[in-house]
Amino acid sequence: MRILVSNDDGIQSEGLRALVAAVEPFGEVWVVAPSSEMSGVSHAITLNRALRAEPFEGKERWFSVDGTPTDCVYLALHHFMKDQLPDLVVSGINHGSNLGTDAHYSGTVAAAHEAMLKGIPALAFSLVAGRGHSFDMAATFARKMVQWVIDNGLPTGVMLNCNVPAAADGRYAICSQGKRTYGGNRVVRRRDPRGGDYFWIGGTEIAHDGRPCADTHAHDEGLITVMPIEQDLTAYKALAKLGQMRLDGEAPARIAPAPGV
């Protein structure tokens, strides 16, 4: 096996090292990760400046990139590993949640998503905990999930987003996506010493919403969550409904039925 590891917390993060140790028994591991923390950058890719990639601490097959998680995976697939692509890409272990709607903002998830776009099986792992918590359970679960994917594969165009509670006991659930919101003052406005305004975005009060099958609910029940994410963003039910609309007096073009319908 050839395995690529990346993340959004930076190449020096404890979670990345724990993930590398978890997957090393499966084969040749490459690490291409951001040189600094890139949390919350989602699927951003750098197009307006040059990127720099340097070997990291003399480690073989480790590269530090001054870019986003997506940049890292893109460089790995199209440069460092282009002659023999990885069999699997894993991202994490993130320090903090990527539950529910967090997944839309996550650089950790985006790194795996970039690999999925290339047709490579990919998984993202996160520890839903603050600083100071052990990555042992998350790493153990990551090893088990990687073994399962090696044995069974993933459908084309699907990746897995895995979140491990701080007090997880190993039980897990296959989930849909829930909703995670941050309350309190969403925007804090302040003034700097020179009279200019600056802002802080986000609150500290966390609320979970979702059906019993959602990852946010399963997490609150103490379960590790595994959420499949699909490459195809099309809303097929809405597509079928919109296909029945008349906007200009003309009948709409026939729309193919949704897969499985």
C-alpha atoms as a PDB file:
ATOM      1  CA  MET A   1       0.000   0.000   0.000  1.00  0.00           C
ATOM      2  CA  ARG A   2       0.968   3.609  -0.636  1.00  0.00           C
ATOM      3  CA  ILE A   3      -0.739   5.990   1.763  1.00  0.00           C
ATOM      4  CA  LEU A   4      -0.770   9.794   1.722  1.00  0.00           C
ATOM      5  CA  VAL A   5      -1.376  11.629   5.008  1.00  0.00           C
ATOM      6  CA  SER A   6      -2.323  15.304   5.252  1.00  0.00           C
ATOM      7  CA  ASN A   7      -4.233  17.587   7.617  1.00  0.00           C
ATOM      8  CA  ASP A   8      -5.169  21.211   8.330  1.00  0.00           C
ATOM      9  CA  ASP A   9      -3.574  21.639  11.777  1.00  0.00           C
ATOM     10  CA  GLY A  10      -0.081  21.772  10.316  1.00  0.00           C
ATOM     11  CA  ILE A  11       2.740  19.315   9.812  1.00  0.00           C
ATOM     12  CA  GLN A  12       3.927  19.610  13.415  1.00  0.00           C
ATOM     13  CA  SER A  13       0.567  18.686  14.953  1.00  0.00           C
ATOM     14  CA  GLU A  14       0.228  15.825  17.402  1.00  0.00           C
ATOM     15  CA  GLY A  15      -2.826  14.482  15.593  1.00  0.00           C
ATOM     16  CA  LEU A  16      -0.965  14.088  12.312  1.00  0.00           C
ATOM     17  CA  ARG A  17       1.813  12.136  14.004  1.00  0.00           C
ATOM     18  CA  ALA A  18      -0.755   9.887  15.679  1.00  0.00           C
ATOM     19  CA  LEU A  19      -2.402   9.199  12.309  1.00  0.00           C
ATOM     20  CA  VAL A  20       0.931   8.453  10.644  1.00  0.00           C
ATOM     21  CA  ALA A  21       1.746   5.950  13.387  1.00  0.00           C
ATOM     22  CA  ALA A  22      -1.698   4.361  12.961  1.00  0.00           C
ATOM     23  CA  VAL A  23      -1.317   3.725   9.223  1.00  0.00           C
ATOM     24  CA  GLU A  24       2.410   2.918   9.009  1.00  0.00           C
ATOM     25  CA  PRO A  25       1.796  -0.848   9.414  1.00  0.00           C
ATOM     26  CA  PHE A  26      -0.134  -0.873   6.134  1.00  0.00           C
ATOM     27  CA  GLY A  27       2.718   0.202   3.868  1.00  0.00           C
ATOM     28  CA  GLU A  28       4.689   3.161   2.526  1.00  0.00           C
ATOM     29  CA  VAL A  29       3.510   6.434   4.079  1.00  0.00           C
ATOM     30  CA  TRP A  30       3.945   9.861   2.516  1.00  0.00           C
ATOM     31  CA  VAL A  31       3.182  13.079   4.425  1.00  0.00           C
ATOM     32  CA  VAL A  32       2.402  16.325   2.608  1.00  0.00           C
ATOM     33  CA  ALA A  33       0.895  18.829   5.031  1.00  0.00           C
ATOM     34  CA  PRO A  34       0.625  22.594   5.617  1.00  0.00           C
ATOM     35  CA  SER A  35       3.589  24.319   7.223  1.00  0.00           C
ATOM     36  CA  SER A  36       1.205  26.126   9.625  1.00  0.00           C
ATOM     37  CA  GLU A  37      -2.347  25.753  10.879  1.00  0.00           C
ATOM     38  CA  MET A  38      -4.970  26.059   8.137  1.00  0.00           C
ATOM     39  CA  SER A  39      -8.171  25.282  10.025  1.00  0.00           C
ATOM     40  CA  GLY A  40     -11.428  26.484   8.496  1.00  0.00           C
ATOM     41  CA  VAL A  41     -10.097  27.094   4.989  1.00  0.00           C
ATOM     42  CA  SER A  42     -12.452  24.508   3.458  1.00  0.00           C
ATOM     43  CA  HIS A  43     -11.512  23.530  -0.127  1.00  0.00           C
ATOM     44  CA  ALA A  44      -9.485  26.655  -0.879  1.00  0.00           C
ATOM     45  CA  ILE A  45      -6.722  26.251  -3.460  1.00  0.00           C
ATOM     46  CA  THR A  46      -3.894  28.740  -4.032  1.00  0.00           C
ATOM     47  CA  LEU A  47      -3.894  30.259  -7.524  1.00  0.00           C
ATOM     48  CA  ASN A  48      -2.530  33.789  -7.050  1.00  0.00           C
ATOM     49  CA  ARG A  49       0.973  33.091  -5.743  1.00  0.00           C
ATOM     50  CA  ALA A  50       3.729  30.496  -5.911  1.00  0.00           C
ATOM     51  CA  LEU A  51       3.744  27.626  -3.442  1.00  0.00           C
ATOM     52  CA  ARG A  52       6.840  26.410  -1.639  1.00  0.00           C
ATOM     53  CA  ALA A  53       7.336  22.822  -0.489  1.00  0.00           C
ATOM     54  CA  GLU A  54      10.287  21.755   1.635  1.00  0.00           C
ATOM     55  CA  PRO A  55      11.446  18.422   3.079  1.00  0.00           C
ATOM     56  CA  PHE A  56      10.472  18.294   6.746  1.00  0.00           C
ATOM     57  CA  GLU A  57      13.029  17.570   9.488  1.00  0.00           C
ATOM     58  CA  GLY A  58      15.021  15.295   7.211  1.00  0.00           C
ATOM     59  CA  LYS A  59      12.228  12.715   7.224  1.00  0.00           C
ATOM     60  CA  GLU A  60      11.924  10.580   4.113  1.00  0.00           C
ATOM     61  CA  ARG A  61       8.732  11.267   2.114  1.00  0.00           C
ATOM     62  CA  TRP A  62       7.665  14.182   4.419  1.00  0.00           C
ATOM     63  CA  PHE A  63       7.009  17.591   2.830  1.00  0.00           C
ATOM     64  CA  SER A  64       5.888  20.878   4.368  1.00  0.00           C
ATOM     65  CA  VAL A  65       3.854  23.183   2.090  1.00  0.00           C
ATOM     66  CA  ASP A  66       3.098  26.869   2.676  1.00  0.00           C
ATOM     67  CA  GLY A  67      -0.447  26.408   1.434  1.00  0.00           C
ATOM     68  CA  THR A  68      -3.842  24.932   2.177  1.00  0.00           C
ATOM     69  CA  PRO A  69      -4.723  21.266   2.765  1.00  0.00           C
ATOM     70  CA  THR A  70      -6.112  21.118  -0.777  1.00  0.00           C
ATOM     71  CA  ASP A  71      -2.812  22.524  -2.098  1.00  0.00           C
ATOM     72  CA  CYS A  72      -0.969  19.783  -0.222  1.00  0.00           C
ATOM     73  CA  VAL A  73      -2.994  16.921  -1.654  1.00  0.00           C
ATOM     74  CA  TYR A  74      -2.944  18.478  -5.135  1.00  0.00           C
ATOM     75  CA  LEU A  75       0.852  18.777  -5.047  1.00  0.00           C
ATOM     76  CA  ALA A  76       1.175  15.232  -3.766  1.00  0.00           C
ATOM     77  CA  LEU A  77      -1.027  13.740  -6.484  1.00  0.00           C
ATOM     78  CA  HIS A  78       0.252  15.846  -9.376  1.00  0.00           C
ATOM     79  CA  HIS A  79       3.924  16.137  -8.414  1.00  0.00           C
ATOM     80  CA  PHE A  80       5.445  14.180  -5.530  1.00  0.00           C
ATOM     81  CA  MET A  81       3.501  10.958  -6.157  1.00  0.00           C
ATOM     82  CA  LYS A  82       2.408  11.421  -9.765  1.00  0.00           C
ATOM     83  CA  ASP A  83       4.392   8.421 -11.047  1.00  0.00           C
ATOM     84  CA  GLN A  84       2.685   6.093  -8.587  1.00  0.00           C
ATOM     85  CA  LEU A  85      -0.437   7.520  -6.989  1.00  0.00           C
ATOM     86  CA  PRO A  86      -1.390   6.564  -3.440  1.00  0.00           C
ATOM     87  CA  ASP A  87      -3.829   3.737  -2.865  1.00  0.00           C
ATOM     88  CA  LEU A  88      -5.402   5.667  -0.017  1.00  0.00           C
ATOM     89  CA  VAL A  89      -5.453   9.207   1.407  1.00  0.00           C
ATOM     90  CA  VAL A  90      -6.129   9.926   5.077  1.00  0.00           C
ATOM     91  CA  SER A  91      -6.489  13.363   6.658  1.00  0.00           C
ATOM     92  CA  GLY A  92      -6.221  14.363  10.321  1.00  0.00           C
ATOM     93  CA  ILE A  93      -6.380  13.588  13.103  1.00  0.00           C
ATOM     94  CA  ASN A  94      -7.988  17.010  13.477  1.00  0.00           C
ATOM     95  CA  HIS A  95      -7.945  18.665  16.880  1.00  0.00           C
ATOM     96  CA  GLY A  96     -11.624  19.560  17.157  1.00  0.00           C
ATOM     97  CA  SER A  97     -14.993  18.806  15.624  1.00  0.00           C
ATOM     98  CA  ASN A  98     -15.849  18.270  11.999  1.00  0.00           C
ATOM     99  CA  LEU A  99     -19.389  17.200  12.830  1.00  0.00           C
ATOM    100  CA  GLY A 100     -22.460  18.269  10.919  1.00  0.00           C
ATOM    101  CA  THR A 101     -22.099  21.572   9.131  1.00  0.00           C
ATOM    102  CA  ASP A 102     -18.496  21.906  10.370  1.00  0.00           C
ATOM    103  CA  ALA A 103     -17.605  19.638   7.448  1.00  0.00           C
ATOM    104  CA  HIS A 104     -18.354  22.459   4.994  1.00  0.00           C
ATOM    105  CA  TYR A 105     -15.644  24.662   6.535  1.00  0.00           C
ATOM    106  CA  SER A 106     -13.107  21.964   7.314  1.00  0.00           C
ATOM    107  CA  GLY A 107      -9.672  21.841   5.734  1.00  0.00           C
ATOM    108  CA  THR A 108      -9.313  18.323   7.150  1.00  0.00           C
ATOM    109  CA  VAL A 109     -12.352  17.129   5.214  1.00  0.00           C
ATOM    110  CA  ALA A 110     -11.260  19.091   2.130  1.00  0.00           C
ATOM    111  CA  ALA A 111      -7.917  17.271   1.965  1.00  0.00           C
ATOM    112  CA  ALA A 112      -9.737  13.943   1.766  1.00  0.00           C
ATOM    113  CA  HIS A 113     -12.298  15.445  -0.608  1.00  0.00           C
ATOM    114  CA  GLU A 114      -9.550  16.479  -3.037  1.00  0.00           C
ATOM    115  CA  ALA A 115      -8.330  12.878  -3.164  1.00  0.00           C
ATOM    116  CA  MET A 116     -11.890  11.661  -3.717  1.00  0.00           C
ATOM    117  CA  LEU A 117     -12.161  13.972  -6.741  1.00  0.00           C
ATOM    118  CA  LYS A 118      -9.145  12.148  -8.164  1.00  0.00           C
ATOM    119  CA  GLY A 119     -10.862   8.782  -7.631  1.00  0.00           C
ATOM    120  CA  ILE A 120      -8.703   7.743  -4.667  1.00  0.00           C
ATOM    121  CA  PRO A 121     -10.322   6.264  -1.520  1.00  0.00           C
ATOM    122  CA  ALA A 122     -10.132   8.853   1.246  1.00  0.00           C
ATOM    123  CA  LEU A 123     -11.007   9.285   4.913  1.00  0.00           C
ATOM    124  CA  ALA A 124     -10.944  12.256   7.305  1.00  0.00           C
ATOM    125  CA  PHE A 125     -10.532  11.804  11.067  1.00  0.00           C
ATOM    126  CA  SER A 126     -11.242  14.286  13.864  1.00  0.00           C
ATOM    127  CA  LEU A 127     -11.066  14.186  17.661  1.00  0.00           C
ATOM    128  CA  VAL A 128     -13.978  16.164  19.102  1.00  0.00           C
ATOM    129  CA  ALA A 129     -12.051  17.493  22.076  1.00  0.00           C
ATOM    130  CA  GLY A 130     -10.058  20.456  23.295  1.00  0.00           C
ATOM    131  CA  ARG A 131      -6.330  20.609  23.746  1.00  0.00           C
ATOM    132  CA  GLY A 132      -4.729  18.124  26.084  1.00  0.00           C
ATOM    133  CA  HIS A 133      -6.809  15.067  25.178  1.00  0.00           C
ATOM    134  CA  SER A 134      -5.182  11.842  24.014  1.00  0.00           C
ATOM    135  CA  PHE A 135      -5.395  10.802  20.375  1.00  0.00           C
ATOM    136  CA  ASP A 136      -5.132   7.097  21.273  1.00  0.00           C
ATOM    137  CA  MET A 137      -8.771   6.140  20.703  1.00  0.00           C
ATOM    138  CA  ALA A 138      -9.011   8.195  17.510  1.00  0.00           C
ATOM    139  CA  ALA A 139      -5.821   6.586  16.186  1.00  0.00           C
ATOM    140  CA  THR A 140      -7.068   3.107  17.079  1.00  0.00           C
ATOM    141  CA  PHE A 141     -10.337   3.747  15.262  1.00  0.00           C
ATOM    142  CA  ALA A 142      -8.476   5.204  12.274  1.00  0.00           C
ATOM    143  CA  ARG A 143      -6.414   2.027  12.003  1.00  0.00           C
ATOM    144  CA  LYS A 144      -9.572  -0.118  12.063  1.00  0.00           C
ATOM    145  CA  MET A 145     -11.323   2.042   9.448  1.00  0.00           C
ATOM    146  CA  VAL A 146      -8.293   2.010   7.147  1.00  0.00           C
ATOM    147  CA  GLN A 147      -8.145  -1.785   7.430  1.00  0.00           C
ATOM    148  CA  TRP A 148     -11.853  -1.973   6.547  1.00  0.00           C
ATOM    149  CA  VAL A 149     -11.416   0.265   3.495  1.00  0.00           C
ATOM    150  CA  ILE A 150      -8.401  -1.759   2.346  1.00  0.00           C
ATOM    151  CA  ASP A 151     -10.460  -4.946   2.609  1.00  0.00           C
ATOM    152  CA  ASN A 152     -13.745  -3.625   1.206  1.00  0.00           C
ATOM    153  CA  GLY A 153     -13.018  -0.452  -0.762  1.00  0.00           C
ATOM    154  CA  LEU A 154     -15.264   2.596  -1.086  1.00  0.00           C
ATOM    155  CA  PRO A 155     -17.779   3.452  -3.800  1.00  0.00           C
ATOM    156  CA  THR A 156     -16.365   5.736  -6.472  1.00  0.00           C
ATOM    157  CA  GLY A 157     -16.973   9.379  -5.567  1.00  0.00           C
ATOM    158  CA  VAL A 158     -17.487   8.720  -1.846  1.00  0.00           C
ATOM    159  CA  MET A 159     -15.255   9.556   1.136  1.00  0.00           C
ATOM    160  CA  LEU A 160     -15.764   9.043   4.880  1.00  0.00           C
ATOM    161  CA  ASN A 161     -15.785  11.769   7.534  1.00  0.00           C
ATOM    162  CA  CYS A 162     -15.109  10.262  10.971  1.00  0.00           C
ATOM    163  CA  ASN A 163     -15.476  12.078  14.313  1.00  0.00           C
ATOM    164  CA  VAL A 164     -14.341  10.544  17.603  1.00  0.00           C
ATOM    165  CA  PRO A 165     -15.763  11.895  20.903  1.00  0.00           C
ATOM    166  CA  ALA A 166     -13.275  12.648  23.650  1.00  0.00           C
ATOM    167  CA  ALA A 167     -14.747   9.892  25.840  1.00  0.00           C
ATOM    168  CA  ALA A 168     -15.376   7.367  23.043  1.00  0.00           C
ATOM    169  CA  ASP A 169     -15.448   3.692  24.030  1.00  0.00           C
ATOM    170  CA  GLY A 170     -15.061   2.303  20.513  1.00  0.00           C
ATOM    171  CA  ARG A 171     -18.748   2.075  19.539  1.00  0.00           C
ATOM    172  CA  TYR A 172     -19.598   3.803  16.275  1.00  0.00           C
ATOM    173  CA  ALA A 173     -22.535   4.645  14.004  1.00  0.00           C
ATOM    174  CA  ILE A 174     -22.908   5.215  10.267  1.00  0.00           C
ATOM    175  CA  CYS A 175     -24.621   8.595  10.050  1.00  0.00           C
ATOM    176  CA  SER A 176     -26.153  11.286   7.903  1.00  0.00           C
ATOM    177  CA  GLN A 177     -25.077  14.912   8.304  1.00  0.00           C
ATOM    178  CA  GLY A 178     -26.528  16.899  11.185  1.00  0.00           C
ATOM    179  CA  LYS A 179     -26.312  20.587  12.034  1.00  0.00           C
ATOM    180  CA  ARG A 180     -23.809  22.168  14.427  1.00  0.00           C
ATOM    181  CA  THR A 181     -24.151  25.860  15.270  1.00  0.00           C
ATOM    182  CA  TYR A 182     -22.105  28.270  17.346  1.00  0.00           C
ATOM    183  CA  GLY A 183     -24.233  30.703  19.316  1.00  0.00           C
ATOM    184  CA  GLY A 184     -23.524  33.804  21.316  1.00  0.00           C
ATOM    185  CA  ASN A 185     -22.261  36.885  19.527  1.00  0.00           C
ATOM    186  CA  ARG A 186     -21.543  35.684  16.012  1.00  0.00           C
ATOM    187  CA  VAL A 187     -19.638  38.866  15.157  1.00  0.00           C
ATOM    188  CA  VAL A 188     -17.696  40.871  17.724  1.00  0.00           C
ATOM    189  CA  ARG A 189     -16.721  44.375  16.598  1.00  0.00           C
ATOM    190  CA  ARG A 190     -13.831  46.155  18.272  1.00  0.00           C
ATOM    191  CA  ARG A 191     -11.597  49.131  17.619  1.00  0.00           C
ATOM    192  CA  ASP A 192      -7.818  49.057  17.346  1.00  0.00           C
ATOM    193  CA  PRO A 193      -5.483  51.714  18.888  1.00  0.00           C
ATOM    194  CA  ARG A 194      -5.501  53.655  15.611  1.00  0.00           C
ATOM    195  CA  GLY A 195      -9.270  53.929  15.477  1.00  0.00           C
ATOM    196  CA  GLY A 196      -9.916  51.221  12.889  1.00  0.00           C
ATOM    197  CA  ASP A 197     -12.559  48.554  13.290  1.00  0.00           C
ATOM    198  CA  TYR A 198     -11.781  44.850  13.452  1.00  0.00           C
ATOM    199  CA  PHE A 199     -13.986  41.807  13.905  1.00  0.00           C
ATOM    200  CA  TRP A 200     -14.014  38.350  15.450  1.00  0.00           C
ATOM    201  CA  ILE A 201     -16.349  35.810  13.856  1.00  0.00           C
ATOM    202  CA  GLY A 202     -18.049  32.935  15.678  1.00  0.00           C
ATOM    203  CA  GLY A 203     -19.476  32.097  19.083  1.00  0.00           C
ATOM    204  CA  THR A 204     -18.556  29.649  21.813  1.00  0.00           C
ATOM    205  CA  GLU A 205     -21.977  28.187  22.634  1.00  0.00           C
ATOM    206  CA  ILE A 206     -22.422  24.983  20.649  1.00  0.00           C
ATOM    207  CA  ALA A 207     -25.784  23.491  19.679  1.00  0.00           C
ATOM    208  CA  HIS A 208     -26.522  20.279  17.813  1.00  0.00           C
ATOM    209  CA  ASP A 209     -29.570  19.626  15.686  1.00  0.00           C
ATOM    210  CA  GLY A 210     -30.482  16.689  13.526  1.00  0.00           C
ATOM    211  CA  ARG A 211     -32.475  13.499  13.201  1.00  0.00           C
ATOM    212  CA  PRO A 212     -31.562  10.496  15.378  1.00  0.00           C
ATOM    213  CA  CYS A 213     -29.540   9.153  12.422  1.00  0.00           C
ATOM    214  CA  ALA A 214     -27.458  12.369  12.179  1.00  0.00           C
ATOM    215  CA  ASP A 215     -23.816  12.511  13.221  1.00  0.00           C
ATOM    216  CA  THR A 216     -24.463  15.311  15.723  1.00  0.00           C
ATOM    217  CA  HIS A 217     -27.052  13.199  17.549  1.00  0.00           C
ATOM    218  CA  ALA A 218     -24.908  10.056  17.497  1.00  0.00           C
ATOM    219  CA  HIS A 219     -21.961  12.023  18.882  1.00  0.00           C
ATOM    220  CA  ASP A 220     -24.089  13.314  21.751  1.00  0.00           C
ATOM    221  CA  GLU A 221     -24.930   9.676  22.522  1.00  0.00           C
ATOM    222  CA  GLY A 222     -21.202   8.991  22.889  1.00  0.00           C
ATOM    223  CA  LEU A 223     -20.712   7.231  19.561  1.00  0.00           C
ATOM    224  CA  ILE A 224     -17.927   7.610  17.030  1.00  0.00           C
ATOM    225  CA  THR A 225     -19.543   8.863  13.831  1.00  0.00           C
ATOM    226  CA  VAL A 226     -18.830   7.813  10.259  1.00  0.00           C
ATOM    227  CA  MET A 227     -20.513   9.983   7.612  1.00  0.00           C
ATOM    228  CA  PRO A 228     -20.200   9.197   3.892  1.00  0.00           C
ATOM    229  CA  ILE A 229     -19.720  12.311   1.753  1.00  0.00           C
ATOM    230  CA  GLU A 230     -20.511  12.216  -1.943  1.00  0.00           C
ATOM    231  CA  GLN A 231     -18.731  14.001  -4.772  1.00  0.00           C
ATOM    232  CA  ASP A 232     -21.953  14.752  -6.648  1.00  0.00           C
ATOM    233  CA  LEU A 233     -23.536  17.887  -5.135  1.00  0.00           C
ATOM    234  CA  THR A 234     -26.703  17.714  -7.230  1.00  0.00           C
ATOM    235  CA  ALA A 235     -29.976  17.898  -5.276  1.00  0.00           C
ATOM    236  CA  TYR A 236     -31.846  15.303  -7.312  1.00  0.00           C
ATOM    237  CA  LYS A 237     -35.277  15.789  -5.695  1.00  0.00           C
ATOM    238  CA  ALA A 238     -35.050  19.525  -6.347  1.00  0.00           C
ATOM    239  CA  LEU A 239     -33.789  18.829  -9.863  1.00  0.00           C
ATOM    240  CA  ALA A 240     -36.874  16.776 -10.641  1.00  0.00           C
ATOM    241  CA  LYS A 241     -39.183  19.411  -9.148  1.00  0.00           C
ATOM    242  CA  LEU A 242     -37.518  22.289 -10.991  1.00  0.00           C
ATOM    243  CA  GLY A 243     -37.842  20.286 -14.179  1.00  0.00           C
ATOM    244  CA  GLN A 244     -41.612  20.697 -13.898  1.00  0.00           C
ATOM    245  CA  MET A 245     -41.481  24.491 -13.689  1.00  0.00           C
ATOM    246  CA  ARG A 246     -42.396  26.853 -16.544  1.00  0.00           C
ATOM    247  CA  LEU A 247     -40.548  30.145 -16.391  1.00  0.00           C
ATOM    248  CA  ASP A 248     -41.014  31.568 -19.871  1.00  0.00           C
ATOM    249  CA  GLY A 249     -43.996  29.749 -21.316  1.00  0.00           C
ATOM    250  CA  GLU A 250     -41.811  26.994 -22.700  1.00  0.00           C
ATOM    251  CA  ALA A 251     -41.988  23.459 -21.388  1.00  0.00           C
ATOM    252  CA  PRO A 252     -38.721  22.578 -19.602  1.00  0.00           C
ATOM    253  CA  ALA A 253     -36.285  20.164 -21.142  1.00  0.00           C
ATOM    254  CA  ARG A 254     -36.644  16.571 -20.081  1.00  0.00           C
ATOM    255  CA  ILE A 255     -34.443  15.761 -17.097  1.00  0.00           C
ATOM    256  CA  ALA A 256     -33.053  12.297 -16.556  1.00  0.00           C
ATOM    257  CA  PRO A 257     -34.336  10.611 -13.384  1.00  0.00           C
ATOM    258  CA  ALA A 258     -32.186  10.583 -10.307  1.00  0.00           C
ATOM    259  CA  PRO A 259     -29.970   7.525  -9.810  1.00  0.00           C
ATOM    260  CA  GLY A 260     -31.978   4.701  -8.333  1.00  0.00           C
ATOM    261  CA  VAL A 261     -35.313   6.404  -9.073  1.00  0.00           C
END
